Protein backbone atom coordinates (compact mmCIF):
# COMPACT_ATOMS: atom_id res chain seq x y z
CA MET A 1 6.25 36.85 -42.10
CA PRO A 2 3.32 37.34 -39.73
CA HIS A 3 3.12 33.61 -39.24
CA CYS A 4 6.63 33.38 -37.71
CA LYS A 5 5.82 36.09 -35.10
CA SER A 6 2.69 34.26 -33.94
CA THR A 7 4.55 30.97 -33.73
CA ASN A 8 7.33 32.54 -31.67
CA TYR A 9 4.78 34.19 -29.44
CA PHE A 10 3.02 30.78 -28.94
CA LEU A 11 6.28 29.05 -28.21
CA GLY A 12 7.31 31.70 -25.69
CA LEU A 13 4.03 31.68 -23.98
CA SER A 14 4.09 27.86 -23.80
CA LEU A 15 7.52 27.92 -22.18
CA VAL A 16 6.53 30.42 -19.60
CA LEU A 17 3.38 28.43 -18.79
CA LEU A 18 5.42 25.17 -18.50
CA LEU A 19 7.86 26.74 -16.12
CA ALA A 20 5.19 28.27 -14.00
CA LEU A 21 3.38 24.91 -13.65
CA SER A 22 6.49 22.92 -12.94
CA GLY A 23 7.45 25.23 -10.12
CA CYS A 24 4.11 24.49 -8.28
CA THR A 25 4.83 20.85 -7.42
CA LYS A 26 7.42 21.17 -4.73
CA PRO A 27 7.02 18.53 -1.99
CA THR A 28 5.68 19.69 1.32
CA LYS A 29 8.38 19.24 4.02
CA ILE A 30 7.11 17.19 6.93
CA GLU A 31 9.85 16.73 9.52
CA GLY A 32 10.53 12.98 10.00
CA LEU A 33 8.81 11.89 6.74
CA ASP A 34 11.11 10.23 4.30
CA ALA A 35 9.21 10.83 1.06
CA GLU A 36 11.36 8.35 -0.86
CA LYS A 37 10.73 5.57 1.64
CA PHE A 38 7.01 6.36 1.81
CA GLY A 39 6.75 6.19 -1.97
CA LYS A 40 8.78 2.93 -2.16
CA ASP A 41 6.50 1.30 0.46
CA ALA A 42 3.80 0.78 -2.06
CA LYS A 43 0.51 -0.33 -0.47
CA GLY A 44 2.29 -0.29 2.94
CA CYS A 45 3.61 -3.81 2.33
CA ASN A 46 7.14 -3.13 3.74
CA GLY A 47 6.03 -1.57 7.10
CA TYR A 48 7.53 1.91 6.76
CA ARG A 49 4.13 3.68 6.45
CA SER A 50 2.70 1.93 9.53
CA SER A 51 5.78 2.98 11.54
CA ILE A 52 5.08 6.70 10.81
CA LYS A 53 1.36 6.62 11.43
CA PRO A 54 1.61 8.81 14.56
CA LEU A 55 3.71 11.33 12.49
CA LEU A 56 1.06 11.48 9.80
CA GLU A 57 -1.79 11.90 12.39
CA ALA A 58 0.15 14.87 13.81
CA HIS A 59 0.43 16.52 10.41
CA LEU A 60 -2.94 15.85 8.82
CA LEU A 61 -3.76 19.58 8.78
CA ASP A 62 -0.52 20.29 6.84
CA PHE A 63 -2.14 18.63 3.70
CA LYS A 64 -5.14 20.93 3.81
CA SER A 65 -5.37 23.09 0.62
CA LEU A 66 -2.39 21.46 -1.02
CA SER A 67 -2.86 20.66 -4.77
CA GLU A 68 -2.95 17.22 -6.24
CA PRO A 69 0.61 17.55 -7.77
CA GLU A 70 1.92 18.76 -4.37
CA ILE A 71 0.48 15.66 -2.62
CA ILE A 72 2.00 13.43 -5.27
CA ALA A 73 5.32 15.21 -4.91
CA THR A 74 5.19 14.69 -1.14
CA LEU A 75 3.74 11.14 -0.84
CA GLY A 76 4.12 9.66 -4.31
CA PRO A 77 1.29 8.24 -6.35
CA ALA A 78 -1.74 6.98 -4.47
CA ASP A 79 -2.34 3.31 -3.94
CA ARG A 80 -5.94 3.81 -4.98
CA LYS A 81 -7.83 6.69 -6.56
CA ASP A 82 -11.60 7.03 -6.41
CA LEU A 83 -13.81 9.59 -8.17
CA SER A 84 -17.00 10.89 -6.54
CA SER A 85 -19.86 13.10 -7.49
CA ARG A 86 -19.25 16.78 -8.18
CA SER A 87 -15.70 16.15 -9.52
CA GLN A 88 -14.34 15.19 -6.13
CA LYS A 89 -11.46 12.80 -5.98
CA TYR A 90 -10.01 10.61 -3.28
CA PHE A 91 -6.47 9.34 -2.80
CA LEU A 92 -5.98 6.40 -0.60
CA TYR A 93 -2.59 5.38 0.80
CA TYR A 94 -2.44 2.01 2.72
CA LEU A 95 -0.55 2.42 5.98
CA SER A 96 -0.92 -1.03 7.57
CA GLY A 97 -0.66 -3.03 4.33
CA ALA A 98 -3.11 -3.64 1.57
CA PRO A 99 -5.02 -6.83 1.38
CA ASP A 100 -3.01 -7.93 -1.66
CA CYS A 101 0.38 -7.51 0.00
CA PRO A 102 2.34 -10.82 -0.06
CA ASN A 103 2.84 -10.90 3.69
CA GLN A 104 -0.71 -10.09 4.64
CA ASP A 105 -1.87 -13.71 5.10
CA SER A 106 -1.83 -13.48 8.87
CA VAL A 107 -3.48 -10.02 9.19
CA VAL A 108 -7.06 -9.95 10.29
CA GLY A 109 -9.42 -7.05 9.80
CA ARG A 110 -9.48 -4.03 7.57
CA PRO A 111 -6.25 -2.15 6.72
CA VAL A 112 -5.46 1.35 8.06
CA VAL A 113 -5.36 3.95 5.31
CA LEU A 114 -4.54 7.62 4.78
CA LEU A 115 -7.47 9.17 2.90
CA ILE A 116 -7.08 12.50 1.11
CA ARG A 117 -10.11 14.18 -0.47
CA PHE A 118 -9.73 16.80 -3.21
CA ASN A 119 -12.44 19.22 -4.34
CA SER A 120 -13.25 20.07 -7.95
CA LEU A 121 -10.23 22.54 -8.01
CA ASN A 122 -7.83 19.68 -7.09
CA ARG A 123 -7.16 21.12 -3.59
CA VAL A 124 -7.20 18.98 -0.47
CA THR A 125 -10.28 19.59 1.55
CA GLU A 126 -9.97 16.70 4.00
CA SER A 127 -7.31 14.25 5.17
CA SER A 128 -7.91 11.51 7.70
CA ILE A 129 -6.59 8.19 8.93
CA GLY A 130 -9.02 5.34 9.33
CA LEU A 131 -10.09 1.83 8.19
CA ASP A 132 -10.54 1.00 4.54
């Protein structure tokens, strides 16, 4: 029964790999950031994200070298994802409300965003707050 041994080995190895990968996506703790509220304030339409802009500015360096899954665990899915040359990826989180928010009719100008850039190894190399 050599086939059974190789199947058991493969299943065991798969389980260990799955457990190792799932343990790498813990949210980064930023004092004062309610990750659940941040995630539910999709595209910044409800105002929570704009209220914590100073907090995010103070913690921009805390995002450096985090992995893509760690950013998603901390901030939720990005409002927009862009791919660039050399396998770089950008996550964009609207802070002041995206142009397609229902209550954005009276807002003039470009929205404020949190931009996170990942290198080809899916590690954060840059995070900044600016205009879209």
